[in-house]
Amino acid sequence: MHHVKVKYKKLRETAVVPCYQSKLAAGMDLHAANSENIPIAPGAIEMIPLGFAMALPDHYEAQVRPRSGLASKFGVTLPNAPGTIDADSVENVAYHSLITAKKCSSLNRICELRK
């Protein structure tokens, strides 16, 4: 297996650097970095802060995907799934939008990152 080195930088105090939750996990969990709950009306799209930036090697991409349990149980998803982050992306991975009928609490695992 080829390992790719990815650098992460926290942009918010509440941010959690992406990490694998188990030895065989294919994706790293991404946590909401909001300091207060964000209410989301049914069918609404809200921007949820993830609070970190990342640097990928040239010619690589990372994909942000909904977490399967949240998507199937609560309708939590990403409108542009999978979201692509390229090595030359100039934007920080600070926000991703969700569609849900719940509220987003700080530190919720809201989506996953695959590289």
Foldseek 3Di string as FASTA:
>chain_A
DDDFDKDKDFQDPLADPWDDPDPPDQWTFQFFRDPAKAAAAAQGKDKTFSGMFMAGDAPDKKWKWFDVVCCVPWVWTFPPPRDIDHNPDPDGSTITIIHGHGIGGGGDRTITMHD
